[in-house]
Amino acid sequence: MTYRVNQNNIISVDQPSNGVKRQRLPAVLGTCYVDRELIEPGIAIAYSSYTASENFVEESRIETSETRLSLTFGLSGQSIYQCKSALTDDLVFSENHATLTTFGNSEGERIYKEGHKIDQLRILISGNAFDRLSIPFPKEAKDVAFPIQQQHTKISQNTIHYLKRLMTLMYSNQPERPLEKHILVLNLLSEQLSLLQANHQEYQPVFHHRDEANIISAKRYMIQNMSLPITLANVCQAVGISESKLKQGTKALYQLSPHQLLLQIRMEKAWEQLMTGSNVSQTAYSVGYQHASNFSAAFNRYYGFSPKSLLVQRQ
């Protein structure tokens, strides 16, 4: 059995003297809580610790006028955020990695597996702080169509030292060195923004129109092999193009990432097959899903209703 939870399932909010606010999920799901602390207007930190005793899905809904930037440091385990918008890749938050993500208005869910422990520390920035912190992303939520994972980098030893010290201060009841926590947060943010700028300048490839034939061939390869577990490496090897060129090329020609393009191909074929008489299981296997339940979930995220609903409409 898989439980589904949302903000309505938070059972308590504690406000201890050190300023950290704790939110818990029901004990039946395991030991799952988030501790939040406001550093200054527009900047907060949040430590989340989830050890699930049951399989469950946590649903979230963001409604805001301002963009939110989340800098997530994976301390243990891995979590995946699936946006209900069909045109975005899953967001992966991995152990020993720092992940920069921008959010506008969105709905999504995180899946937690029984017995898995996931610990993460986040620095959360609201759009009203973007200008003063020189954050290079749109500050209004209307300009962010869907969540985007802007950067995913391995954490350095220096960063680990900062994180340990920040965690110590976060849970200390001693008011000593009140500015240190603030300085650590800004140092961690500055480090990742500097890496983002350096990576963009160093690795941004140039897309030429002469590469269009390879990108079109890549799409054709996806269409011909959609029933197989396709990876970026498969596609690149088949058409003789680098991953960076593939990513930039599909964005330039189709306004989609390779993942989004493959999803579009599979979902459009699935619609066609369901409308011509195939059942859900047959359709799932033919477009590359080993389990009909995973296909149904992907179809629902893409079109907004289940494949069974489409079958009923066809009848």
C-alpha atoms as a PDB file:
ATOM      1  CA  MET A   1       0.000   0.000   0.000  1.00  0.00           C
ATOM      2  CA  THR A   2       1.246   3.501  -0.840  1.00  0.00           C
ATOM      3  CA  TYR A   3      -0.010   6.445   1.203  1.00  0.00           C
ATOM      4  CA  ARG A   4      -0.532   9.910  -0.288  1.00  0.00           C
ATOM      5  CA  VAL A   5       0.026  12.951   1.940  1.00  0.00           C
ATOM      6  CA  ASN A   6      -0.014  16.733   1.542  1.00  0.00           C
ATOM      7  CA  GLN A   7       0.139  19.900   3.667  1.00  0.00           C
ATOM      8  CA  ASN A   8      -3.132  18.930   5.356  1.00  0.00           C
ATOM      9  CA  ASN A   9      -1.400  15.933   6.946  1.00  0.00           C
ATOM     10  CA  ILE A  10       1.107  17.945   9.004  1.00  0.00           C
ATOM     11  CA  ILE A  11       0.210  17.068  12.579  1.00  0.00           C
ATOM     12  CA  SER A  12       2.268  19.538  14.624  1.00  0.00           C
ATOM     13  CA  VAL A  13       4.346  22.679  14.393  1.00  0.00           C
ATOM     14  CA  ASP A  14       6.822  23.321  17.212  1.00  0.00           C
ATOM     15  CA  GLN A  15       8.432  26.685  17.925  1.00  0.00           C
ATOM     16  CA  PRO A  16      11.390  26.063  20.242  1.00  0.00           C
ATOM     17  CA  SER A  17      13.380  28.901  21.775  1.00  0.00           C
ATOM     18  CA  ASN A  18      16.167  28.727  19.180  1.00  0.00           C
ATOM     19  CA  GLY A  19      13.794  29.915  16.430  1.00  0.00           C
ATOM     20  CA  VAL A  20      13.585  26.652  14.486  1.00  0.00           C
ATOM     21  CA  LYS A  21      10.040  25.642  13.480  1.00  0.00           C
ATOM     22  CA  ARG A  22       9.430  21.906  13.087  1.00  0.00           C
ATOM     23  CA  GLN A  23       6.774  20.337  10.880  1.00  0.00           C
ATOM     24  CA  ARG A  24       6.066  16.604  11.190  1.00  0.00           C
ATOM     25  CA  LEU A  25       4.209  14.048   9.122  1.00  0.00           C
ATOM     26  CA  PRO A  26       2.054  11.394  10.831  1.00  0.00           C
ATOM     27  CA  ALA A  27       4.052   8.844  12.844  1.00  0.00           C
ATOM     28  CA  VAL A  28       2.535   5.979  10.834  1.00  0.00           C
ATOM     29  CA  LEU A  29       4.778   7.061   7.931  1.00  0.00           C
ATOM     30  CA  GLY A  30       7.972   6.910  10.010  1.00  0.00           C
ATOM     31  CA  THR A  31      10.203   9.659  11.381  1.00  0.00           C
ATOM     32  CA  CYS A  32       9.664  12.470   8.886  1.00  0.00           C
ATOM     33  CA  TYR A  33      10.105  16.130   9.729  1.00  0.00           C
ATOM     34  CA  VAL A  34      11.332  19.487   8.392  1.00  0.00           C
ATOM     35  CA  ASP A  35      12.978  22.158  10.550  1.00  0.00           C
ATOM     36  CA  ARG A  36      12.864  25.715   9.160  1.00  0.00           C
ATOM     37  CA  GLU A  37      14.522  28.919  10.273  1.00  0.00           C
ATOM     38  CA  LEU A  38      14.307  32.433   8.856  1.00  0.00           C
ATOM     39  CA  ILE A  39      17.777  33.959   8.409  1.00  0.00           C
ATOM     40  CA  GLU A  40      16.631  37.330   7.062  1.00  0.00           C
ATOM     41  CA  PRO A  41      13.690  38.496   4.930  1.00  0.00           C
ATOM     42  CA  GLY A  42      13.716  36.416   1.760  1.00  0.00           C
ATOM     43  CA  ILE A  43      16.284  33.870   3.041  1.00  0.00           C
ATOM     44  CA  ALA A  44      15.527  30.754   5.081  1.00  0.00           C
ATOM     45  CA  ILE A  45      17.155  27.402   5.790  1.00  0.00           C
ATOM     46  CA  ALA A  46      15.365  24.067   6.101  1.00  0.00           C
ATOM     47  CA  TYR A  47      16.723  20.744   7.313  1.00  0.00           C
ATOM     48  CA  SER A  48      14.594  17.757   6.321  1.00  0.00           C
ATOM     49  CA  SER A  49      15.002  14.237   7.706  1.00  0.00           C
ATOM     50  CA  TYR A  50      12.765  11.471   6.329  1.00  0.00           C
ATOM     51  CA  THR A  51      13.041   7.834   7.378  1.00  0.00           C
ATOM     52  CA  ALA A  52       9.956   6.168   5.938  1.00  0.00           C
ATOM     53  CA  SER A  53       8.401   3.125   7.598  1.00  0.00           C
ATOM     54  CA  GLU A  54       5.820   2.935   4.762  1.00  0.00           C
ATOM     55  CA  ASN A  55       5.875   3.713   1.053  1.00  0.00           C
ATOM     56  CA  PHE A  56       4.289   7.121   0.552  1.00  0.00           C
ATOM     57  CA  VAL A  57       3.978  10.001  -1.896  1.00  0.00           C
ATOM     58  CA  GLU A  58       4.180  13.577  -0.630  1.00  0.00           C
ATOM     59  CA  GLU A  59       2.207  16.008  -2.790  1.00  0.00           C
ATOM     60  CA  SER A  60       3.085  19.695  -2.951  1.00  0.00           C
ATOM     61  CA  ARG A  61       1.535  22.765  -4.515  1.00  0.00           C
ATOM     62  CA  ILE A  62       3.288  26.120  -4.880  1.00  0.00           C
ATOM     63  CA  GLU A  63       1.178  29.226  -5.453  1.00  0.00           C
ATOM     64  CA  THR A  64       3.213  32.427  -5.315  1.00  0.00           C
ATOM     65  CA  SER A  65       3.895  35.659  -7.162  1.00  0.00           C
ATOM     66  CA  GLU A  66       7.653  35.312  -6.638  1.00  0.00           C
ATOM     67  CA  THR A  67      10.137  32.785  -7.954  1.00  0.00           C
ATOM     68  CA  ARG A  68      11.708  30.545  -5.338  1.00  0.00           C
ATOM     69  CA  LEU A  69      15.275  29.326  -5.542  1.00  0.00           C
ATOM     70  CA  SER A  70      16.159  26.187  -3.615  1.00  0.00           C
ATOM     71  CA  LEU A  71      19.801  25.283  -2.992  1.00  0.00           C
ATOM     72  CA  THR A  72      19.656  21.687  -1.750  1.00  0.00           C
ATOM     73  CA  PHE A  73      22.597  19.879  -0.155  1.00  0.00           C
ATOM     74  CA  GLY A  74      22.140  16.096  -0.122  1.00  0.00           C
ATOM     75  CA  LEU A  75      23.443  14.753   3.191  1.00  0.00           C
ATOM     76  CA  SER A  76      22.185  11.170   2.814  1.00  0.00           C
ATOM     77  CA  GLY A  77      19.985   9.229   0.404  1.00  0.00           C
ATOM     78  CA  GLN A  78      18.322  10.481  -2.766  1.00  0.00           C
ATOM     79  CA  SER A  79      14.920  12.007  -3.512  1.00  0.00           C
ATOM     80  CA  ILE A  80      13.157  12.657  -6.811  1.00  0.00           C
ATOM     81  CA  TYR A  81      10.606  15.398  -7.441  1.00  0.00           C
ATOM     82  CA  GLN A  82       8.133  14.727 -10.243  1.00  0.00           C
ATOM     83  CA  CYS A  83       6.328  17.790 -11.551  1.00  0.00           C
ATOM     84  CA  LYS A  84       2.771  17.319 -12.792  1.00  0.00           C
ATOM     85  CA  SER A  85       3.679  19.459 -15.786  1.00  0.00           C
ATOM     86  CA  ALA A  86       4.592  17.052 -18.562  1.00  0.00           C
ATOM     87  CA  LEU A  87       7.252  19.316 -20.046  1.00  0.00           C
ATOM     88  CA  THR A  88       9.892  19.086 -17.353  1.00  0.00           C
ATOM     89  CA  ASP A  89      12.401  16.457 -16.332  1.00  0.00           C
ATOM     90  CA  ASP A  90      12.278  14.829 -12.901  1.00  0.00           C
ATOM     91  CA  LEU A  91      14.388  16.764 -10.382  1.00  0.00           C
ATOM     92  CA  VAL A  92      17.013  14.597  -8.675  1.00  0.00           C
ATOM     93  CA  PHE A  93      18.528  15.480  -5.292  1.00  0.00           C
ATOM     94  CA  SER A  94      21.495  13.193  -4.552  1.00  0.00           C
ATOM     95  CA  GLU A  95      23.709  12.463  -1.573  1.00  0.00           C
ATOM     96  CA  ASN A  96      26.948  14.522  -1.525  1.00  0.00           C
ATOM     97  CA  HIS A  97      25.633  16.836  -4.258  1.00  0.00           C
ATOM     98  CA  ALA A  98      24.415  20.427  -4.280  1.00  0.00           C
ATOM     99  CA  THR A  99      21.402  21.169  -6.490  1.00  0.00           C
ATOM    100  CA  LEU A 100      20.172  24.595  -7.589  1.00  0.00           C
ATOM    101  CA  THR A 101      16.499  24.615  -8.574  1.00  0.00           C
ATOM    102  CA  THR A 102      14.095  27.415  -9.509  1.00  0.00           C
ATOM    103  CA  PHE A 103      10.340  27.126  -8.886  1.00  0.00           C
ATOM    104  CA  GLY A 104       7.419  29.243 -10.023  1.00  0.00           C
ATOM    105  CA  ASN A 105       3.835  28.078  -9.531  1.00  0.00           C
ATOM    106  CA  SER A 106       3.797  24.297  -9.752  1.00  0.00           C
ATOM    107  CA  GLU A 107       2.356  21.034  -8.519  1.00  0.00           C
ATOM    108  CA  GLY A 108       4.406  17.916  -7.963  1.00  0.00           C
ATOM    109  CA  GLU A 109       5.205  14.987  -5.722  1.00  0.00           C
ATOM    110  CA  ARG A 110       8.092  13.226  -4.031  1.00  0.00           C
ATOM    111  CA  ILE A 111       8.144   9.456  -3.646  1.00  0.00           C
ATOM    112  CA  TYR A 112       9.538   7.921  -0.455  1.00  0.00           C
ATOM    113  CA  LYS A 113      10.395   4.236  -0.100  1.00  0.00           C
ATOM    114  CA  GLU A 114      10.052   2.187   3.070  1.00  0.00           C
ATOM    115  CA  GLY A 115      13.316   1.922   5.008  1.00  0.00           C
ATOM    116  CA  HIS A 116      15.166   4.651   3.090  1.00  0.00           C
ATOM    117  CA  LYS A 117      16.697   7.561   5.025  1.00  0.00           C
ATOM    118  CA  ILE A 118      16.953  10.936   3.282  1.00  0.00           C
ATOM    119  CA  ASP A 119      18.567  13.973   4.920  1.00  0.00           C
ATOM    120  CA  GLN A 120      18.856  17.318   3.143  1.00  0.00           C
ATOM    121  CA  LEU A 121      19.715  20.904   4.044  1.00  0.00           C
ATOM    122  CA  ARG A 122      18.159  23.630   1.888  1.00  0.00           C
ATOM    123  CA  ILE A 123      18.801  27.326   1.506  1.00  0.00           C
ATOM    124  CA  LEU A 124      15.557  28.903   0.280  1.00  0.00           C
ATOM    125  CA  ILE A 125      15.554  32.291  -1.454  1.00  0.00           C
ATOM    126  CA  SER A 126      12.462  34.292  -2.398  1.00  0.00           C
ATOM    127  CA  GLY A 127      12.351  36.431  -5.528  1.00  0.00           C
ATOM    128  CA  ASN A 128      12.273  39.661  -3.524  1.00  0.00           C
ATOM    129  CA  ALA A 129      15.876  38.919  -2.475  1.00  0.00           C
ATOM    130  CA  PHE A 130      17.178  38.086  -5.970  1.00  0.00           C
ATOM    131  CA  ASP A 131      18.362  41.614  -6.799  1.00  0.00           C
ATOM    132  CA  ARG A 132      20.326  42.228  -3.636  1.00  0.00           C
ATOM    133  CA  LEU A 133      21.929  38.763  -3.832  1.00  0.00           C
ATOM    134  CA  SER A 134      22.685  39.026  -7.589  1.00  0.00           C
ATOM    135  CA  ILE A 135      20.775  35.835  -8.384  1.00  0.00           C
ATOM    136  CA  PRO A 136      20.640  35.472 -12.203  1.00  0.00           C
ATOM    137  CA  PHE A 137      17.093  34.131 -12.582  1.00  0.00           C
ATOM    138  CA  PRO A 138      13.663  35.736 -13.148  1.00  0.00           C
ATOM    139  CA  LYS A 139      12.250  36.922  -9.838  1.00  0.00           C
ATOM    140  CA  GLU A 140       8.568  36.731 -10.796  1.00  0.00           C
ATOM    141  CA  ALA A 141       6.849  33.351 -10.732  1.00  0.00           C
ATOM    142  CA  LYS A 142       4.944  34.062 -13.950  1.00  0.00           C
ATOM    143  CA  ASP A 143       8.278  33.986 -15.814  1.00  0.00           C
ATOM    144  CA  VAL A 144       9.111  30.454 -14.590  1.00  0.00           C
ATOM    145  CA  ALA A 145       6.906  28.046 -16.530  1.00  0.00           C
ATOM    146  CA  PHE A 146       7.977  24.925 -14.617  1.00  0.00           C
ATOM    147  CA  PRO A 147      10.625  23.849 -12.064  1.00  0.00           C
ATOM    148  CA  ILE A 148      14.137  23.799 -13.529  1.00  0.00           C
ATOM    149  CA  GLN A 149      17.207  22.064 -12.095  1.00  0.00           C
ATOM    150  CA  GLN A 150      19.807  24.715 -12.898  1.00  0.00           C
ATOM    151  CA  GLN A 151      22.848  22.951 -11.451  1.00  0.00           C
ATOM    152  CA  HIS A 152      23.839  19.621  -9.893  1.00  0.00           C
ATOM    153  CA  THR A 153      27.419  19.487  -8.572  1.00  0.00           C
ATOM    154  CA  LYS A 154      29.416  17.341  -6.175  1.00  0.00           C
ATOM    155  CA  ILE A 155      29.943  18.870  -2.730  1.00  0.00           C
ATOM    156  CA  SER A 156      33.535  19.792  -1.872  1.00  0.00           C
ATOM    157  CA  GLN A 157      35.225  19.079   1.463  1.00  0.00           C
ATOM    158  CA  ASN A 158      35.183  22.802   2.197  1.00  0.00           C
ATOM    159  CA  THR A 159      31.411  22.849   1.656  1.00  0.00           C
ATOM    160  CA  ILE A 160      30.971  19.852   3.978  1.00  0.00           C
ATOM    161  CA  HIS A 161      32.816  21.784   6.696  1.00  0.00           C
ATOM    162  CA  TYR A 162      30.474  24.773   6.250  1.00  0.00           C
ATOM    163  CA  LEU A 163      27.406  22.514   6.320  1.00  0.00           C
ATOM    164  CA  LYS A 164      28.463  20.776   9.540  1.00  0.00           C
ATOM    165  CA  ARG A 165      29.074  24.105  11.240  1.00  0.00           C
ATOM    166  CA  LEU A 166      25.739  25.505  10.020  1.00  0.00           C
ATOM    167  CA  MET A 167      23.907  22.435  11.342  1.00  0.00           C
ATOM    168  CA  THR A 168      25.642  22.821  14.708  1.00  0.00           C
ATOM    169  CA  LEU A 169      24.584  26.465  14.963  1.00  0.00           C
ATOM    170  CA  MET A 170      21.055  25.694  13.783  1.00  0.00           C
ATOM    171  CA  TYR A 171      20.489  23.344  16.721  1.00  0.00           C
ATOM    172  CA  SER A 172      22.459  25.258  19.337  1.00  0.00           C
ATOM    173  CA  ASN A 173      20.529  27.023  22.083  1.00  0.00           C
ATOM    174  CA  GLN A 174      23.516  29.275  22.731  1.00  0.00           C
ATOM    175  CA  PRO A 175      23.219  32.802  21.255  1.00  0.00           C
ATOM    176  CA  GLU A 176      26.990  33.059  20.703  1.00  0.00           C
ATOM    177  CA  ARG A 177      28.308  34.489  17.432  1.00  0.00           C
ATOM    178  CA  PRO A 178      24.869  35.462  16.075  1.00  0.00           C
ATOM    179  CA  LEU A 179      26.237  36.551  12.664  1.00  0.00           C
ATOM    180  CA  GLU A 180      28.096  33.318  11.913  1.00  0.00           C
ATOM    181  CA  LYS A 181      25.002  31.445  10.740  1.00  0.00           C
ATOM    182  CA  HIS A 182      24.117  34.296   8.397  1.00  0.00           C
ATOM    183  CA  ILE A 183      27.669  34.395   6.990  1.00  0.00           C
ATOM    184  CA  LEU A 184      27.740  30.629   6.425  1.00  0.00           C
ATOM    185  CA  VAL A 185      24.471  30.732   4.483  1.00  0.00           C
ATOM    186  CA  LEU A 186      25.731  33.535   2.237  1.00  0.00           C
ATOM    187  CA  ASN A 187      29.092  31.768   1.713  1.00  0.00           C
ATOM    188  CA  LEU A 188      27.353  28.545   0.625  1.00  0.00           C
ATOM    189  CA  LEU A 189      25.058  30.445  -1.727  1.00  0.00           C
ATOM    190  CA  SER A 190      27.918  32.499  -3.173  1.00  0.00           C
ATOM    191  CA  GLU A 191      29.992  29.364  -3.777  1.00  0.00           C
ATOM    192  CA  GLN A 192      27.247  27.678  -5.820  1.00  0.00           C
ATOM    193  CA  LEU A 193      26.377  30.806  -7.812  1.00  0.00           C
ATOM    194  CA  SER A 194      30.082  31.202  -8.694  1.00  0.00           C
ATOM    195  CA  LEU A 195      30.185  27.575  -9.866  1.00  0.00           C
ATOM    196  CA  LEU A 196      27.046  28.147 -11.919  1.00  0.00           C
ATOM    197  CA  GLN A 197      28.610  31.118 -13.686  1.00  0.00           C
ATOM    198  CA  ALA A 198      31.918  29.297 -14.282  1.00  0.00           C
ATOM    199  CA  ASN A 199      30.205  26.170 -15.629  1.00  0.00           C
ATOM    200  CA  HIS A 200      27.993  28.218 -17.943  1.00  0.00           C
ATOM    201  CA  GLN A 201      30.958  30.090 -19.404  1.00  0.00           C
ATOM    202  CA  GLU A 202      33.163  27.009 -19.727  1.00  0.00           C
ATOM    203  CA  TYR A 203      30.749  24.419 -21.055  1.00  0.00           C
ATOM    204  CA  GLN A 204      28.155  26.369 -23.061  1.00  0.00           C
ATOM    205  CA  PRO A 205      28.419  24.795 -26.532  1.00  0.00           C
ATOM    206  CA  VAL A 206      27.699  26.612 -29.764  1.00  0.00           C
ATOM    207  CA  PHE A 207      24.871  25.141 -31.815  1.00  0.00           C
ATOM    208  CA  HIS A 208      25.248  25.434 -35.562  1.00  0.00           C
ATOM    209  CA  HIS A 209      22.609  24.799 -38.179  1.00  0.00           C
ATOM    210  CA  ARG A 210      24.844  22.109 -39.649  1.00  0.00           C
ATOM    211  CA  ASP A 211      24.057  20.077 -36.513  1.00  0.00           C
ATOM    212  CA  GLU A 212      20.342  20.073 -37.324  1.00  0.00           C
ATOM    213  CA  ALA A 213      20.596  16.841 -39.330  1.00  0.00           C
ATOM    214  CA  ASN A 214      22.005  15.036 -36.284  1.00  0.00           C
ATOM    215  CA  ILE A 215      19.245  16.350 -34.044  1.00  0.00           C
ATOM    216  CA  ILE A 216      16.579  15.275 -36.537  1.00  0.00           C
ATOM    217  CA  SER A 217      18.273  11.848 -36.705  1.00  0.00           C
ATOM    218  CA  ALA A 218      18.206  11.709 -32.903  1.00  0.00           C
ATOM    219  CA  LYS A 219      14.451  12.308 -32.905  1.00  0.00           C
ATOM    220  CA  ARG A 220      14.020   9.626 -35.579  1.00  0.00           C
ATOM    221  CA  TYR A 221      16.061   7.197 -33.428  1.00  0.00           C
ATOM    222  CA  MET A 222      13.777   7.907 -30.462  1.00  0.00           C
ATOM    223  CA  ILE A 223      10.683   7.250 -32.578  1.00  0.00           C
ATOM    224  CA  GLN A 224      12.062   3.986 -33.942  1.00  0.00           C
ATOM    225  CA  ASN A 225      13.245   2.721 -30.539  1.00  0.00           C
ATOM    226  CA  MET A 226      10.675   4.152 -28.124  1.00  0.00           C
ATOM    227  CA  SER A 227       9.770   0.656 -26.876  1.00  0.00           C
ATOM    228  CA  LEU A 228      13.324   0.248 -25.523  1.00  0.00           C
ATOM    229  CA  PRO A 229      14.881   1.755 -22.355  1.00  0.00           C
ATOM    230  CA  ILE A 230      16.551   4.643 -24.237  1.00  0.00           C
ATOM    231  CA  THR A 231      19.306   6.682 -22.562  1.00  0.00           C
ATOM    232  CA  LEU A 232      21.054   9.850 -23.709  1.00  0.00           C
ATOM    233  CA  ALA A 233      24.192   7.790 -24.266  1.00  0.00           C
ATOM    234  CA  ASN A 234      22.273   5.439 -26.609  1.00  0.00           C
ATOM    235  CA  VAL A 235      21.002   8.332 -28.704  1.00  0.00           C
ATOM    236  CA  CYS A 236      24.350  10.123 -28.866  1.00  0.00           C
ATOM    237  CA  GLN A 237      26.195   6.972 -29.887  1.00  0.00           C
ATOM    238  CA  ALA A 238      23.598   6.150 -32.543  1.00  0.00           C
ATOM    239  CA  VAL A 239      23.782   9.514 -34.292  1.00  0.00           C
ATOM    240  CA  GLY A 240      27.358  10.563 -33.470  1.00  0.00           C
ATOM    241  CA  ILE A 241      26.779  13.655 -31.341  1.00  0.00           C
ATOM    242  CA  SER A 242      27.823  14.732 -27.842  1.00  0.00           C
ATOM    243  CA  GLU A 243      25.319  14.977 -24.979  1.00  0.00           C
ATOM    244  CA  SER A 244      25.817  18.752 -24.739  1.00  0.00           C
ATOM    245  CA  LYS A 245      25.070  19.143 -28.463  1.00  0.00           C
ATOM    246  CA  LEU A 246      22.030  16.889 -28.161  1.00  0.00           C
ATOM    247  CA  LYS A 247      20.638  18.892 -25.244  1.00  0.00           C
ATOM    248  CA  GLN A 248      21.237  22.229 -26.911  1.00  0.00           C
ATOM    249  CA  GLY A 249      19.974  20.993 -30.274  1.00  0.00           C
ATOM    250  CA  THR A 250      16.634  19.631 -29.065  1.00  0.00           C
ATOM    251  CA  LYS A 251      16.124  22.869 -27.134  1.00  0.00           C
ATOM    252  CA  ALA A 252      16.880  24.946 -30.240  1.00  0.00           C
ATOM    253  CA  LEU A 253      14.771  22.900 -32.695  1.00  0.00           C
ATOM    254  CA  TYR A 254      11.913  21.642 -30.521  1.00  0.00           C
ATOM    255  CA  GLN A 255      12.052  23.867 -27.393  1.00  0.00           C
ATOM    256  CA  LEU A 256      12.332  20.653 -25.357  1.00  0.00           C
ATOM    257  CA  SER A 257      15.074  18.776 -23.518  1.00  0.00           C
ATOM    258  CA  PRO A 258      15.896  15.274 -24.854  1.00  0.00           C
ATOM    259  CA  HIS A 259      13.890  13.791 -21.967  1.00  0.00           C
ATOM    260  CA  GLN A 260      10.892  15.985 -22.759  1.00  0.00           C
ATOM    261  CA  LEU A 261      11.145  15.173 -26.469  1.00  0.00           C
ATOM    262  CA  LEU A 262      11.178  11.419 -25.802  1.00  0.00           C
ATOM    263  CA  LEU A 263       8.232  11.801 -23.434  1.00  0.00           C
ATOM    264  CA  GLN A 264       6.296  13.733 -26.074  1.00  0.00           C
ATOM    265  CA  ILE A 265       7.011  11.035 -28.678  1.00  0.00           C
ATOM    266  CA  ARG A 266       5.876   8.265 -26.332  1.00  0.00           C
ATOM    267  CA  MET A 267       2.742  10.054 -25.149  1.00  0.00           C
ATOM    268  CA  GLU A 268       1.614  10.982 -28.668  1.00  0.00           C
ATOM    269  CA  LYS A 269       2.110   7.371 -29.806  1.00  0.00           C
ATOM    270  CA  ALA A 270       0.292   6.118 -26.715  1.00  0.00           C
ATOM    271  CA  TRP A 271      -2.698   8.337 -27.512  1.00  0.00           C
ATOM    272  CA  GLU A 272      -2.762   7.007 -31.067  1.00  0.00           C
ATOM    273  CA  GLN A 273      -2.648   3.380 -29.937  1.00  0.00           C
ATOM    274  CA  LEU A 274      -5.312   3.778 -27.262  1.00  0.00           C
ATOM    275  CA  MET A 275      -7.596   5.459 -29.768  1.00  0.00           C
ATOM    276  CA  THR A 276      -7.159   2.576 -32.235  1.00  0.00           C
ATOM    277  CA  GLY A 277      -8.041  -0.199 -29.805  1.00  0.00           C
ATOM    278  CA  SER A 278      -4.945  -1.131 -27.768  1.00  0.00           C
ATOM    279  CA  ASN A 279      -5.478  -1.669 -24.047  1.00  0.00           C
ATOM    280  CA  VAL A 280      -3.427   0.092 -21.362  1.00  0.00           C
ATOM    281  CA  SER A 281      -0.925  -2.753 -20.811  1.00  0.00           C
ATOM    282  CA  GLN A 282      -0.258  -3.256 -24.513  1.00  0.00           C
ATOM    283  CA  THR A 283       0.220   0.458 -25.012  1.00  0.00           C
ATOM    284  CA  ALA A 284       2.538   0.759 -22.017  1.00  0.00           C
ATOM    285  CA  TYR A 285       4.915  -1.925 -23.293  1.00  0.00           C
ATOM    286  CA  SER A 286       4.902  -0.616 -26.851  1.00  0.00           C
ATOM    287  CA  VAL A 287       6.040   2.873 -25.795  1.00  0.00           C
ATOM    288  CA  GLY A 288       8.768   1.744 -23.412  1.00  0.00           C
ATOM    289  CA  TYR A 289       7.186   1.235 -19.989  1.00  0.00           C
ATOM    290  CA  GLN A 290       7.773  -2.083 -18.215  1.00  0.00           C
ATOM    291  CA  HIS A 291       4.927  -1.469 -15.776  1.00  0.00           C
ATOM    292  CA  ALA A 292       1.464  -0.285 -16.778  1.00  0.00           C
ATOM    293  CA  SER A 293       1.136   1.654 -13.504  1.00  0.00           C
ATOM    294  CA  ASN A 294       4.205   3.776 -14.326  1.00  0.00           C
ATOM    295  CA  PHE A 295       2.821   4.428 -17.811  1.00  0.00           C
ATOM    296  CA  SER A 296      -0.572   5.438 -16.416  1.00  0.00           C
ATOM    297  CA  ALA A 297       1.053   7.881 -13.997  1.00  0.00           C
ATOM    298  CA  ALA A 298       3.161   9.434 -16.788  1.00  0.00           C
ATOM    299  CA  PHE A 299       0.135   9.645 -19.105  1.00  0.00           C
ATOM    300  CA  ASN A 300      -1.907  11.317 -16.362  1.00  0.00           C
ATOM    301  CA  ARG A 301       0.837  13.913 -15.728  1.00  0.00           C
ATOM    302  CA  TYR A 302       1.105  14.622 -19.461  1.00  0.00           C
ATOM    303  CA  TYR A 303      -2.555  14.869 -20.454  1.00  0.00           C
ATOM    304  CA  GLY A 304      -4.262  15.537 -17.135  1.00  0.00           C
ATOM    305  CA  PHE A 305      -6.354  12.362 -17.129  1.00  0.00           C
ATOM    306  CA  SER A 306      -5.752   8.603 -17.074  1.00  0.00           C
ATOM    307  CA  PRO A 307      -5.454   6.348 -20.145  1.00  0.00           C
ATOM    308  CA  LYS A 308      -8.495   4.442 -18.888  1.00  0.00           C
ATOM    309  CA  SER A 309     -10.476   7.672 -19.094  1.00  0.00           C
ATOM    310  CA  LEU A 310      -9.484   7.974 -22.734  1.00  0.00           C
ATOM    311  CA  LEU A 311     -10.670   4.427 -23.392  1.00  0.00           C
ATOM    312  CA  VAL A 312     -14.029   5.267 -21.827  1.00  0.00           C
ATOM    313  CA  GLN A 313     -14.313   8.391 -24.008  1.00  0.00           C
ATOM    314  CA  ARG A 314     -13.543   6.327 -27.121  1.00  0.00           C
ATOM    315  CA  GLN A 315     -16.374   3.931 -26.281  1.00  0.00           C
END
